[in-house]
Amino acid sequence: MMSSDRLAALEKQKYINLETYKKSGQAVRTPVWFMISDGLVFVLTTQNTGKIKRIKNNPKIRIMPCGMRGEPKGDWIEGTARFATESETQNAIKMRHKKYGLRAMIVGMFIKKEKPIVIAIQI
């Protein structure tokens, strides 16, 4: 399946399961909000999360559409993660407010003290 088809399959979803890997190779799955722009999937998090550490060690990831608690809603898609540029970060923050509205604002109030880190995923 082409990348654009896989992105289209994610468009209407609210959550993806982000699978990152520990140094041991053990997979860690985290249901996260996400946005799509310019052929990339963006995930916002904060500096001190495990997924940031795991991506620094291994940029290979997998994602899958899922429910709020991680229940599968599709197939795994392999990808490569990197940390977004400043302009991608600003764009992702705006997109999150547009997609998730009031919920995003409430979450934003709780994590204001921490600088957001945006993960850019190429699939």
PDB file of N, CA and C in Angstrom:
ATOM      1  N   MET A   1       0.862  -1.189   0.000  1.00  0.00           N
ATOM      2  CA  MET A   1       0.000   0.000   0.000  1.00  0.00           C
ATOM      3  C   MET A   1       0.901   1.244   0.000  1.00  0.00           C
ATOM      4  N   MET A   2       0.511   2.218  -0.804  1.00  0.00           N
ATOM      5  CA  MET A   2       1.308   3.446  -0.879  1.00  0.00           C
ATOM      6  C   MET A   2       1.126   4.282   0.381  1.00  0.00           C
ATOM      7  N   SER A   3       2.140   5.090   0.648  1.00  0.00           N
ATOM      8  CA  SER A   3       2.150   5.929   1.845  1.00  0.00           C
ATOM      9  C   SER A   3       0.891   6.800   1.928  1.00  0.00           C
ATOM     10  N   SER A   4       0.478   7.399   0.801  1.00  0.00           N
ATOM     11  CA  SER A   4      -0.695   8.296   0.817  1.00  0.00           C
ATOM     12  C   SER A   4      -1.967   7.528   1.170  1.00  0.00           C
ATOM     13  N   ASP A   5      -2.074   6.267   0.723  1.00  0.00           N
ATOM     14  CA  ASP A   5      -3.235   5.440   1.073  1.00  0.00           C
ATOM     15  C   ASP A   5      -3.244   5.150   2.570  1.00  0.00           C
ATOM     16  N   ARG A   6      -2.062   4.870   3.118  1.00  0.00           N
ATOM     17  CA  ARG A   6      -1.969   4.581   4.546  1.00  0.00           C
ATOM     18  C   ARG A   6      -2.306   5.824   5.354  1.00  0.00           C
ATOM     19  N   LEU A   7      -1.864   6.975   4.893  1.00  0.00           N
ATOM     20  CA  LEU A   7      -2.198   8.227   5.594  1.00  0.00           C
ATOM     21  C   LEU A   7      -3.700   8.473   5.531  1.00  0.00           C
ATOM     22  N   ALA A   8      -4.305   8.228   4.372  1.00  0.00           N
ATOM     23  CA  ALA A   8      -5.750   8.435   4.210  1.00  0.00           C
ATOM     24  C   ALA A   8      -6.524   7.535   5.177  1.00  0.00           C
ATOM     25  N   ALA A   9      -6.029   6.313   5.393  1.00  0.00           N
ATOM     26  CA  ALA A   9      -6.685   5.376   6.314  1.00  0.00           C
ATOM     27  C   ALA A   9      -6.632   5.897   7.752  1.00  0.00           C
ATOM     28  N   LEU A  10      -5.637   6.712   8.072  1.00  0.00           N
ATOM     29  CA  LEU A  10      -5.496   7.258   9.432  1.00  0.00           C
ATOM     30  C   LEU A  10      -6.303   8.537   9.638  1.00  0.00           C
ATOM     31  N   GLU A  11      -6.586   9.257   8.545  1.00  0.00           N
ATOM     32  CA  GLU A  11      -7.185  10.606   8.604  1.00  0.00           C
ATOM     33  C   GLU A  11      -8.345  10.746   9.584  1.00  0.00           C
ATOM     34  N   LYS A  12      -9.277   9.800   9.577  1.00  0.00           N
ATOM     35  CA  LYS A  12     -10.499   9.943  10.370  1.00  0.00           C
ATOM     36  C   LYS A  12     -10.344   9.412  11.797  1.00  0.00           C
ATOM     37  N   GLN A  13      -9.164   8.892  12.125  1.00  0.00           N
ATOM     38  CA  GLN A  13      -8.936   8.324  13.452  1.00  0.00           C
ATOM     39  C   GLN A  13      -8.566   9.417  14.456  1.00  0.00           C
ATOM     40  N   LYS A  14      -8.837   9.142  15.737  1.00  0.00           N
ATOM     41  CA  LYS A  14      -8.459  10.083  16.800  1.00  0.00           C
ATOM     42  C   LYS A  14      -7.151   9.661  17.473  1.00  0.00           C
ATOM     43  N   TYR A  15      -6.857   8.349  17.468  1.00  0.00           N
ATOM     44  CA  TYR A  15      -5.688   7.822  18.166  1.00  0.00           C
ATOM     45  C   TYR A  15      -4.910   6.861  17.273  1.00  0.00           C
ATOM     46  N   ILE A  16      -3.599   6.838  17.514  1.00  0.00           N
ATOM     47  CA  ILE A  16      -2.778   5.773  16.951  1.00  0.00           C
ATOM     48  C   ILE A  16      -1.999   5.149  18.103  1.00  0.00           C
ATOM     49  N   ASN A  17      -1.695   3.894  17.943  1.00  0.00           N
ATOM     50  CA  ASN A  17      -0.805   3.218  18.866  1.00  0.00           C
ATOM     51  C   ASN A  17       0.590   3.446  18.313  1.00  0.00           C
ATOM     52  N   LEU A  18       1.459   4.062  19.090  1.00  0.00           N
ATOM     53  CA  LEU A  18       2.843   4.315  18.688  1.00  0.00           C
ATOM     54  C   LEU A  18       3.700   3.254  19.360  1.00  0.00           C
ATOM     55  N   GLU A  19       4.337   2.408  18.536  1.00  0.00           N
ATOM     56  CA  GLU A  19       5.191   1.355  19.068  1.00  0.00           C
ATOM     57  C   GLU A  19       6.646   1.771  18.906  1.00  0.00           C
ATOM     58  N   THR A  20       7.325   1.928  20.050  1.00  0.00           N
ATOM     59  CA  THR A  20       8.749   2.258  20.066  1.00  0.00           C
ATOM     60  C   THR A  20       9.466   1.094  20.734  1.00  0.00           C
ATOM     61  N   TYR A  21      10.791   1.099  20.655  1.00  0.00           N
ATOM     62  CA  TYR A  21      11.531  -0.074  21.115  1.00  0.00           C
ATOM     63  C   TYR A  21      12.606   0.276  22.141  1.00  0.00           C
ATOM     64  N   LYS A  22      12.646  -0.521  23.201  1.00  0.00           N
ATOM     65  CA  LYS A  22      13.701  -0.377  24.208  1.00  0.00           C
ATOM     66  C   LYS A  22      15.008  -0.901  23.624  1.00  0.00           C
ATOM     67  N   LYS A  23      16.114  -0.598  24.293  1.00  0.00           N
ATOM     68  CA  LYS A  23      17.426  -1.103  23.842  1.00  0.00           C
ATOM     69  C   LYS A  23      17.432  -2.622  23.733  1.00  0.00           C
ATOM     70  N   SER A  24      16.651  -3.288  24.573  1.00  0.00           N
ATOM     71  CA  SER A  24      16.566  -4.756  24.550  1.00  0.00           C
ATOM     72  C   SER A  24      15.800  -5.260  23.329  1.00  0.00           C
ATOM     73  N   GLY A  25      15.135  -4.333  22.619  1.00  0.00           N
ATOM     74  CA  GLY A  25      14.303  -4.728  21.479  1.00  0.00           C
ATOM     75  C   GLY A  25      12.842  -4.894  21.857  1.00  0.00           C
ATOM     76  N   GLN A  26      12.550  -4.845  23.158  1.00  0.00           N
ATOM     77  CA  GLN A  26      11.161  -4.983  23.618  1.00  0.00           C
ATOM     78  C   GLN A  26      10.321  -3.808  23.123  1.00  0.00           C
ATOM     79  N   ALA A  27       9.148  -4.121  22.558  1.00  0.00           N
ATOM     80  CA  ALA A  27       8.246  -3.093  22.044  1.00  0.00           C
ATOM     81  C   ALA A  27       7.440  -2.472  23.185  1.00  0.00           C
ATOM     82  N   VAL A  28       7.227  -1.149  23.096  1.00  0.00           N
ATOM     83  CA  VAL A  28       6.383  -0.429  24.046  1.00  0.00           C
ATOM     84  C   VAL A  28       5.331   0.302  23.224  1.00  0.00           C
ATOM     85  N   ARG A  29       4.076   0.032  23.508  1.00  0.00           N
ATOM     86  CA  ARG A  29       2.973   0.637  22.746  1.00  0.00           C
ATOM     87  C   ARG A  29       2.281   1.701  23.587  1.00  0.00           C
ATOM     88  N   THR A  30       2.060   2.866  22.955  1.00  0.00           N
ATOM     89  CA  THR A  30       1.442   3.990  23.640  1.00  0.00           C
ATOM     90  C   THR A  30       0.354   4.587  22.746  1.00  0.00           C
ATOM     91  N   PRO A  31      -0.917   4.576  23.180  1.00  0.00           N
ATOM     92  CA  PRO A  31      -1.958   5.264  22.402  1.00  0.00           C
ATOM     93  C   PRO A  31      -1.751   6.780  22.512  1.00  0.00           C
ATOM     94  N   VAL A  32      -1.722   7.465  21.369  1.00  0.00           N
ATOM     95  CA  VAL A  32      -1.447   8.909  21.344  1.00  0.00           C
ATOM     96  C   VAL A  32      -2.356   9.609  20.342  1.00  0.00           C
ATOM     97  N   TRP A  33      -2.573  10.899  20.590  1.00  0.00           N
ATOM     98  CA  TRP A  33      -3.193  11.758  19.585  1.00  0.00           C
ATOM     99  C   TRP A  33      -2.170  11.989  18.486  1.00  0.00           C
ATOM    100  N   PHE A  34      -2.654  12.334  17.294  1.00  0.00           N
ATOM    101  CA  PHE A  34      -1.736  12.583  16.183  1.00  0.00           C
ATOM    102  C   PHE A  34      -2.377  13.518  15.171  1.00  0.00           C
ATOM    103  N   MET A  35      -1.536  14.103  14.356  1.00  0.00           N
ATOM    104  CA  MET A  35      -1.983  14.967  13.265  1.00  0.00           C
ATOM    105  C   MET A  35      -1.207  14.563  12.008  1.00  0.00           C
ATOM    106  N   ILE A  36      -1.798  14.844  10.853  1.00  0.00           N
ATOM    107  CA  ILE A  36      -1.128  14.531   9.583  1.00  0.00           C
ATOM    108  C   ILE A  36      -0.951  15.818   8.799  1.00  0.00           C
ATOM    109  N   SER A  37       0.260  16.030   8.278  1.00  0.00           N
ATOM    110  CA  SER A  37       0.542  17.210   7.456  1.00  0.00           C
ATOM    111  C   SER A  37       1.748  16.911   6.575  1.00  0.00           C
ATOM    112  N   ASP A  38       1.684  17.361   5.339  1.00  0.00           N
ATOM    113  CA  ASP A  38       2.814  17.219   4.409  1.00  0.00           C
ATOM    114  C   ASP A  38       3.338  15.790   4.326  1.00  0.00           C
ATOM    115  N   GLY A  39       2.442  14.823   4.357  1.00  0.00           N
ATOM    116  CA  GLY A  39       2.847  13.434   4.211  1.00  0.00           C
ATOM    117  C   GLY A  39       3.504  12.820   5.433  1.00  0.00           C
ATOM    118  N   LEU A  40       3.446  13.531   6.574  1.00  0.00           N
ATOM    119  CA  LEU A  40       4.044  13.030   7.815  1.00  0.00           C
ATOM    120  C   LEU A  40       2.976  12.918   8.899  1.00  0.00           C
ATOM    121  N   VAL A  41       3.217  12.031   9.844  1.00  0.00           N
ATOM    122  CA  VAL A  41       2.360  11.907  11.021  1.00  0.00           C
ATOM    123  C   VAL A  41       3.101  12.586  12.166  1.00  0.00           C
ATOM    124  N   PHE A  42       2.402  13.474  12.878  1.00  0.00           N
ATOM    125  CA  PHE A  42       3.028  14.206  13.992  1.00  0.00           C
ATOM    126  C   PHE A  42       2.381  13.811  15.312  1.00  0.00           C
ATOM    127  N   VAL A  43       3.224  13.623  16.323  1.00  0.00           N
ATOM    128  CA  VAL A  43       2.772  13.284  17.675  1.00  0.00           C
ATOM    129  C   VAL A  43       3.437  14.265  18.631  1.00  0.00           C
ATOM    130  N   LEU A  44       2.628  14.903  19.492  1.00  0.00           N
ATOM    131  CA  LEU A  44       3.160  15.813  20.503  1.00  0.00           C
ATOM    132  C   LEU A  44       3.361  15.064  21.808  1.00  0.00           C
ATOM    133  N   THR A  45       4.453  15.335  22.464  1.00  0.00           N
ATOM    134  CA  THR A  45       4.701  14.767  23.782  1.00  0.00           C
ATOM    135  C   THR A  45       5.573  15.760  24.550  1.00  0.00           C
ATOM    136  N   THR A  46       6.082  15.354  25.692  1.00  0.00           N
ATOM    137  CA  THR A  46       6.980  16.233  26.436  1.00  0.00           C
ATOM    138  C   THR A  46       8.348  15.555  26.556  1.00  0.00           C
ATOM    139  N   GLN A  47       9.315  16.352  26.941  1.00  0.00           N
ATOM    140  CA  GLN A  47      10.718  15.964  26.930  1.00  0.00           C
ATOM    141  C   GLN A  47      11.038  14.689  27.712  1.00  0.00           C
ATOM    142  N   ASN A  48      10.386  14.495  28.839  1.00  0.00           N
ATOM    143  CA  ASN A  48      10.800  13.426  29.742  1.00  0.00           C
ATOM    144  C   ASN A  48      10.018  12.125  29.582  1.00  0.00           C
ATOM    145  N   THR A  49       9.421  11.912  28.422  1.00  0.00           N
ATOM    146  CA  THR A  49       8.663  10.671  28.231  1.00  0.00           C
ATOM    147  C   THR A  49       9.581   9.566  27.725  1.00  0.00           C
ATOM    148  N   GLY A  50       9.211   8.342  28.025  1.00  0.00           N
ATOM    149  CA  GLY A  50       9.990   7.193  27.593  1.00  0.00           C
ATOM    150  C   GLY A  50      10.118   7.106  26.083  1.00  0.00           C
ATOM    151  N   LYS A  51       9.046   7.491  25.373  1.00  0.00           N
ATOM    152  CA  LYS A  51       9.107   7.363  23.910  1.00  0.00           C
ATOM    153  C   LYS A  51      10.194   8.249  23.308  1.00  0.00           C
ATOM    154  N   ILE A  52      10.464   9.389  23.920  1.00  0.00           N
ATOM    155  CA  ILE A  52      11.533  10.268  23.425  1.00  0.00           C
ATOM    156  C   ILE A  52      12.886   9.548  23.550  1.00  0.00           C
ATOM    157  N   LYS A  53      13.122   8.968  24.704  1.00  0.00           N
ATOM    158  CA  LYS A  53      14.381   8.244  24.941  1.00  0.00           C
ATOM    159  C   LYS A  53      14.506   7.061  23.970  1.00  0.00           C
ATOM    160  N   ARG A  54      13.403   6.323  23.788  1.00  0.00           N
ATOM    161  CA  ARG A  54      13.454   5.154  22.913  1.00  0.00           C
ATOM    162  C   ARG A  54      13.689   5.551  21.460  1.00  0.00           C
ATOM    163  N   ILE A  55      13.070   6.641  21.002  1.00  0.00           N
ATOM    164  CA  ILE A  55      13.266   7.084  19.610  1.00  0.00           C
ATOM    165  C   ILE A  55      14.693   7.582  19.389  1.00  0.00           C
ATOM    166  N   LYS A  56      15.272   8.218  20.406  1.00  0.00           N
ATOM    167  CA  LYS A  56      16.679   8.648  20.276  1.00  0.00           C
ATOM    168  C   LYS A  56      17.581   7.439  20.042  1.00  0.00           C
ATOM    169  N   ASN A  57      17.267   6.326  20.700  1.00  0.00           N
ATOM    170  CA  ASN A  57      18.064   5.108  20.563  1.00  0.00           C
ATOM    171  C   ASN A  57      17.746   4.320  19.301  1.00  0.00           C
ATOM    172  N   ASN A  58      16.502   4.407  18.835  1.00  0.00           N
ATOM    173  CA  ASN A  58      16.078   3.625  17.671  1.00  0.00           C
ATOM    174  C   ASN A  58      14.920   4.337  16.978  1.00  0.00           C
ATOM    175  N   PRO A  59      15.157   4.946  15.794  1.00  0.00           N
ATOM    176  CA  PRO A  59      14.112   5.701  15.112  1.00  0.00           C
ATOM    177  C   PRO A  59      13.065   4.834  14.401  1.00  0.00           C
ATOM    178  N   LYS A  60      13.269   3.532  14.370  1.00  0.00           N
ATOM    179  CA  LYS A  60      12.281   2.648  13.733  1.00  0.00           C
ATOM    180  C   LYS A  60      11.079   2.514  14.663  1.00  0.00           C
ATOM    181  N   ILE A  61       9.889   2.724  14.120  1.00  0.00           N
ATOM    182  CA  ILE A  61       8.667   2.642  14.916  1.00  0.00           C
ATOM    183  C   ILE A  61       7.600   1.932  14.091  1.00  0.00           C
ATOM    184  N   ARG A  62       6.481   1.634  14.741  1.00  0.00           N
ATOM    185  CA  ARG A  62       5.286   1.185  14.025  1.00  0.00           C
ATOM    186  C   ARG A  62       4.109   1.950  14.611  1.00  0.00           C
ATOM    187  N   ILE A  63       3.113   2.194  13.756  1.00  0.00           N
ATOM    188  CA  ILE A  63       1.883   2.829  14.226  1.00  0.00           C
ATOM    189  C   ILE A  63       0.688   2.026  13.720  1.00  0.00           C
ATOM    190  N   MET A  64      -0.422   2.161  14.438  1.00  0.00           N
ATOM    191  CA  MET A  64      -1.665   1.500  14.073  1.00  0.00           C
ATOM    192  C   MET A  64      -2.819   2.347  14.579  1.00  0.00           C
ATOM    193  N   PRO A  65      -3.856   2.525  13.756  1.00  0.00           N
ATOM    194  CA  PRO A  65      -5.038   3.215  14.292  1.00  0.00           C
ATOM    195  C   PRO A  65      -5.589   2.414  15.468  1.00  0.00           C
ATOM    196  N   CYS A  66      -6.029   3.128  16.515  1.00  0.00           N
ATOM    197  CA  CYS A  66      -6.520   2.430  17.704  1.00  0.00           C
ATOM    198  C   CYS A  66      -7.545   3.290  18.427  1.00  0.00           C
ATOM    199  N   GLY A  67      -8.145   2.688  19.437  1.00  0.00           N
ATOM    200  CA  GLY A  67      -9.062   3.409  20.318  1.00  0.00           C
ATOM    201  C   GLY A  67      -8.278   4.081  21.434  1.00  0.00           C
ATOM    202  N   MET A  68      -8.993   4.759  22.310  1.00  0.00           N
ATOM    203  CA  MET A  68      -8.377   5.534  23.385  1.00  0.00           C
ATOM    204  C   MET A  68      -7.494   4.676  24.293  1.00  0.00           C
ATOM    205  N   ARG A  69      -7.847   3.423  24.459  1.00  0.00           N
ATOM    206  CA  ARG A  69      -7.073   2.536  25.340  1.00  0.00           C
ATOM    207  C   ARG A  69      -6.129   1.625  24.561  1.00  0.00           C
ATOM    208  N   GLY A  70      -5.938   1.913  23.275  1.00  0.00           N
ATOM    209  CA  GLY A  70      -4.987   1.144  22.481  1.00  0.00           C
ATOM    210  C   GLY A  70      -5.580  -0.045  21.748  1.00  0.00           C
ATOM    211  N   GLU A  71      -6.917  -0.213  21.823  1.00  0.00           N
ATOM    212  CA  GLU A  71      -7.519  -1.357  21.136  1.00  0.00           C
ATOM    213  C   GLU A  71      -7.360  -1.177  19.619  1.00  0.00           C
ATOM    214  N   PRO A  72      -6.883  -2.215  18.912  1.00  0.00           N
ATOM    215  CA  PRO A  72      -6.558  -2.103  17.480  1.00  0.00           C
ATOM    216  C   PRO A  72      -7.770  -1.752  16.615  1.00  0.00           C
ATOM    217  N   LYS A  73      -7.537  -0.892  15.630  1.00  0.00           N
ATOM    218  CA  LYS A  73      -8.574  -0.532  14.654  1.00  0.00           C
ATOM    219  C   LYS A  73      -8.015  -0.594  13.240  1.00  0.00           C
ATOM    220  N   GLY A  74      -6.958  -1.383  13.057  1.00  0.00           N
ATOM    221  CA  GLY A  74      -6.359  -1.475  11.732  1.00  0.00           C
ATOM    222  C   GLY A  74      -5.079  -2.275  11.792  1.00  0.00           C
ATOM    223  N   ASP A  75      -4.255  -2.106  10.780  1.00  0.00           N
ATOM    224  CA  ASP A  75      -3.005  -2.853  10.681  1.00  0.00           C
ATOM    225  C   ASP A  75      -1.818  -1.988  11.089  1.00  0.00           C
ATOM    226  N   TRP A  76      -0.749  -2.652  11.495  1.00  0.00           N
ATOM    227  CA  TRP A  76       0.494  -1.952  11.827  1.00  0.00           C
ATOM    228  C   TRP A  76       1.113  -1.394  10.557  1.00  0.00           C
ATOM    229  N   ILE A  77       1.677  -0.207  10.670  1.00  0.00           N
ATOM    230  CA  ILE A  77       2.378   0.466   9.575  1.00  0.00           C
ATOM    231  C   ILE A  77       3.778   0.795  10.082  1.00  0.00           C
ATOM    232  N   GLU A  78       4.796   0.368   9.353  1.00  0.00           N
ATOM    233  CA  GLU A  78       6.174   0.656   9.763  1.00  0.00           C
ATOM    234  C   GLU A  78       6.551   2.073   9.369  1.00  0.00           C
ATOM    235  N   GLY A  79       7.393   2.678  10.174  1.00  0.00           N
ATOM    236  CA  GLY A  79       7.821   4.041   9.890  1.00  0.00           C
ATOM    237  C   GLY A  79       9.139   4.361  10.563  1.00  0.00           C
ATOM    238  N   THR A  80       9.578   5.588  10.301  1.00  0.00           N
ATOM    239  CA  THR A  80      10.799   6.109  10.902  1.00  0.00           C
ATOM    240  C   THR A  80      10.459   7.431  11.565  1.00  0.00           C
ATOM    241  N   ALA A  81      10.910   7.579  12.809  1.00  0.00           N
ATOM    242  CA  ALA A  81      10.612   8.791  13.575  1.00  0.00           C
ATOM    243  C   ALA A  81      11.840   9.689  13.652  1.00  0.00           C
ATOM    244  N   ARG A  82      11.577  10.985  13.704  1.00  0.00           N
ATOM    245  CA  ARG A  82      12.626  11.986  13.951  1.00  0.00           C
ATOM    246  C   ARG A  82      11.965  13.087  14.758  1.00  0.00           C
ATOM    247  N   PHE A  83      12.780  14.002  15.261  1.00  0.00           N
ATOM    248  CA  PHE A  83      12.210  15.122  16.001  1.00  0.00           C
ATOM    249  C   PHE A  83      11.944  16.252  15.021  1.00  0.00           C
ATOM    250  N   ALA A  84      10.773  16.865  15.149  1.00  0.00           N
ATOM    251  CA  ALA A  84      10.318  17.879  14.203  1.00  0.00           C
ATOM    252  C   ALA A  84      11.151  19.158  14.294  1.00  0.00           C
ATOM    253  N   THR A  85      11.163  19.890  13.190  1.00  0.00           N
ATOM    254  CA  THR A  85      11.800  21.205  13.166  1.00  0.00           C
ATOM    255  C   THR A  85      10.928  22.179  13.955  1.00  0.00           C
ATOM    256  N   GLU A  86      11.449  23.363  14.209  1.00  0.00           N
ATOM    257  CA  GLU A  86      10.690  24.379  14.952  1.00  0.00           C
ATOM    258  C   GLU A  86       9.393  24.730  14.218  1.00  0.00           C
ATOM    259  N   SER A  87       9.454  24.919  12.906  1.00  0.00           N
ATOM    260  CA  SER A  87       8.231  25.282  12.171  1.00  0.00           C
ATOM    261  C   SER A  87       7.244  24.122  12.144  1.00  0.00           C
ATOM    262  N   GLU A  88       7.732  22.883  12.024  1.00  0.00           N
ATOM    263  CA  GLU A  88       6.837  21.718  12.086  1.00  0.00           C
ATOM    264  C   GLU A  88       6.197  21.630  13.463  1.00  0.00           C
ATOM    265  N   THR A  89       6.957  21.941  14.504  1.00  0.00           N
ATOM    266  CA  THR A  89       6.439  21.897  15.874  1.00  0.00           C
ATOM    267  C   THR A  89       5.305  22.903  16.042  1.00  0.00           C
ATOM    268  N   GLN A  90       5.528  24.145  15.590  1.00  0.00           N
ATOM    269  CA  GLN A  90       4.489  25.175  15.699  1.00  0.00           C
ATOM    270  C   GLN A  90       3.234  24.762  14.932  1.00  0.00           C
ATOM    271  N   ASN A  91       3.419  24.215  13.733  1.00  0.00           N
ATOM    272  CA  ASN A  91       2.301  23.771  12.910  1.00  0.00           C
ATOM    273  C   ASN A  91       1.549  22.621  13.596  1.00  0.00           C
ATOM    274  N   ALA A  92       2.285  21.672  14.171  1.00  0.00           N
ATOM    275  CA  ALA A  92       1.656  20.527  14.833  1.00  0.00           C
ATOM    276  C   ALA A  92       0.826  20.974  16.036  1.00  0.00           C
ATOM    277  N   ILE A  93       1.322  21.953  16.784  1.00  0.00           N
ATOM    278  CA  ILE A  93       0.573  22.471  17.940  1.00  0.00           C
ATOM    279  C   ILE A  93      -0.739  23.096  17.466  1.00  0.00           C
ATOM    280  N   LYS A  94      -0.682  23.884  16.374  1.00  0.00           N
ATOM    281  CA  LYS A  94      -1.914  24.486  15.818  1.00  0.00           C
ATOM    282  C   LYS A  94      -2.874  23.407  15.332  1.00  0.00           C
ATOM    283  N   MET A  95      -2.331  22.397  14.651  1.00  0.00           N
ATOM    284  CA  MET A  95      -3.180  21.317  14.139  1.00  0.00           C
ATOM    285  C   MET A  95      -3.835  20.546  15.275  1.00  0.00           C
ATOM    286  N   ARG A  96      -3.103  20.362  16.380  1.00  0.00           N
ATOM    287  CA  ARG A  96      -3.681  19.634  17.515  1.00  0.00           C
ATOM    288  C   ARG A  96      -4.870  20.399  18.077  1.00  0.00           C
ATOM    289  N   HIS A  97      -4.733  21.727  18.205  1.00  0.00           N
ATOM    290  CA  HIS A  97      -5.858  22.527  18.716  1.00  0.00           C
ATOM    291  C   HIS A  97      -7.060  22.422  17.784  1.00  0.00           C
ATOM    292  N   LYS A  98      -6.798  22.420  16.489  1.00  0.00           N
ATOM    293  CA  LYS A  98      -7.895  22.339  15.514  1.00  0.00           C
ATOM    294  C   LYS A  98      -8.569  20.962  15.569  1.00  0.00           C
ATOM    295  N   LYS A  99      -7.782  19.901  15.655  1.00  0.00           N
ATOM    296  CA  LYS A  99      -8.328  18.537  15.617  1.00  0.00           C
ATOM    297  C   LYS A  99      -8.977  18.136  16.938  1.00  0.00           C
ATOM    298  N   TYR A 100      -8.353  18.505  18.069  1.00  0.00           N
ATOM    299  CA  TYR A 100      -8.819  18.008  19.360  1.00  0.00           C
ATOM    300  C   TYR A 100      -9.488  19.067  20.221  1.00  0.00           C
ATOM    301  N   GLY A 101      -9.484  20.331  19.764  1.00  0.00           N
ATOM    302  CA  GLY A 101     -10.241  21.397  20.397  1.00  0.00           C
ATOM    303  C   GLY A 101     -10.029  21.569  21.883  1.00  0.00           C
ATOM    304  N   LEU A 102     -11.138  21.612  22.619  1.00  0.00           N
ATOM    305  CA  LEU A 102     -11.118  21.882  24.055  1.00  0.00           C
ATOM    306  C   LEU A 102     -10.253  20.879  24.812  1.00  0.00           C
ATOM    307  N   ARG A 103     -10.317  19.607  24.413  1.00  0.00           N
ATOM    308  CA  ARG A 103      -9.496  18.596  25.099  1.00  0.00           C
ATOM    309  C   ARG A 103      -8.009  18.940  24.985  1.00  0.00           C
ATOM    310  N   ALA A 104      -7.584  19.406  23.813  1.00  0.00           N
ATOM    311  CA  ALA A 104      -6.179  19.774  23.617  1.00  0.00           C
ATOM    312  C   ALA A 104      -5.805  20.964  24.499  1.00  0.00           C
ATOM    313  N   MET A 105      -6.731  21.916  24.632  1.00  0.00           N
ATOM    314  CA  MET A 105      -6.450  23.088  25.469  1.00  0.00           C
ATOM    315  C   MET A 105      -6.300  22.672  26.928  1.00  0.00           C
ATOM    316  N   ILE A 106      -7.156  21.753  27.391  1.00  0.00           N
ATOM    317  CA  ILE A 106      -7.095  21.294  28.776  1.00  0.00           C
ATOM    318  C   ILE A 106      -5.775  20.563  29.024  1.00  0.00           C
ATOM    319  N   VAL A 107      -5.409  19.658  28.127  1.00  0.00           N
ATOM    320  CA  VAL A 107      -4.131  18.942  28.263  1.00  0.00           C
ATOM    321  C   VAL A 107      -2.983  19.947  28.237  1.00  0.00           C
ATOM    322  N   GLY A 108      -3.062  20.929  27.344  1.00  0.00           N
ATOM    323  CA  GLY A 108      -2.029  21.957  27.227  1.00  0.00           C
ATOM    324  C   GLY A 108      -1.827  22.724  28.520  1.00  0.00           C
ATOM    325  N   MET A 109      -2.912  22.980  29.262  1.00  0.00           N
ATOM    326  CA  MET A 109      -2.801  23.704  30.526  1.00  0.00           C
ATOM    327  C   MET A 109      -2.020  22.902  31.554  1.00  0.00           C
ATOM    328  N   PHE A 110      -2.168  21.573  31.517  1.00  0.00           N
ATOM    329  CA  PHE A 110      -1.485  20.723  32.493  1.00  0.00           C
ATOM    330  C   PHE A 110      -0.002  20.542  32.185  1.00  0.00           C
ATOM    331  N   ILE A 111       0.374  20.678  30.920  1.00  0.00           N
ATOM    332  CA  ILE A 111       1.778  20.441  30.573  1.00  0.00           C
ATOM    333  C   ILE A 111       2.492  21.719  30.142  1.00  0.00           C
ATOM    334  N   LYS A 112       1.888  22.867  30.440  1.00  0.00           N
ATOM    335  CA  LYS A 112       2.463  24.161  30.035  1.00  0.00           C
ATOM    336  C   LYS A 112       3.921  24.334  30.472  1.00  0.00           C
ATOM    337  N   LYS A 113       4.242  23.848  31.656  1.00  0.00           N
ATOM    338  CA  LYS A 113       5.593  24.042  32.183  1.00  0.00           C
ATOM    339  C   LYS A 113       6.645  23.327  31.341  1.00  0.00           C
ATOM    340  N   GLU A 114       6.222  22.261  30.665  1.00  0.00           N
ATOM    341  CA  GLU A 114       7.173  21.474  29.877  1.00  0.00           C
ATOM    342  C   GLU A 114       7.105  21.864  28.406  1.00  0.00           C
ATOM    343  N   LYS A 115       8.271  21.962  27.794  1.00  0.00           N
ATOM    344  CA  LYS A 115       8.344  22.307  26.371  1.00  0.00           C
ATOM    345  C   LYS A 115       7.850  21.119  25.548  1.00  0.00           C
ATOM    346  N   PRO A 116       6.909  21.358  24.621  1.00  0.00           N
ATOM    347  CA  PRO A 116       6.440  20.239  23.816  1.00  0.00           C
ATOM    348  C   PRO A 116       7.530  19.757  22.850  1.00  0.00           C
ATOM    349  N   ILE A 117       7.584  18.466  22.678  1.00  0.00           N
ATOM    350  CA  ILE A 117       8.471  17.847  21.696  1.00  0.00           C
ATOM    351  C   ILE A 117       7.548  17.214  20.658  1.00  0.00           C
ATOM    352  N   VAL A 118       7.826  17.434  19.407  1.00  0.00           N
ATOM    353  CA  VAL A 118       7.007  16.855  18.356  1.00  0.00           C
ATOM    354  C   VAL A 118       7.825  15.794  17.628  1.00  0.00           C
ATOM    355  N   ILE A 119       7.215  14.628  17.506  1.00  0.00           N
ATOM    356  CA  ILE A 119       7.799  13.525  16.765  1.00  0.00           C
ATOM    357  C   ILE A 119       7.191  13.547  15.374  1.00  0.00           C
ATOM    358  N   ALA A 120       8.050  13.534  14.340  1.00  0.00           N
ATOM    359  CA  ALA A 120       7.602  13.474  12.953  1.00  0.00           C
ATOM    360  C   ALA A 120       7.854  12.060  12.470  1.00  0.00           C
ATOM    361  N   ILE A 121       6.805  11.418  11.919  1.00  0.00           N
ATOM    362  CA  ILE A 121       6.903  10.023  11.495  1.00  0.00           C
ATOM    363  C   ILE A 121       6.695   9.928   9.991  1.00  0.00           C
ATOM    364  N   GLN A 122       7.653   9.341   9.330  1.00  0.00           N
ATOM    365  CA  GLN A 122       7.579   9.068   7.892  1.00  0.00           C
ATOM    366  C   GLN A 122       7.143   7.622   7.736  1.00  0.00           C
ATOM    367  N   ILE A 123       6.031   7.412   6.980  1.00  0.00           N
ATOM    368  CA  ILE A 123       5.605   6.017   6.762  1.00  0.00           C
ATOM    369  C   ILE A 123       5.714   5.657   5.289  1.00  0.00           C
TER     370      ILE A 123
END
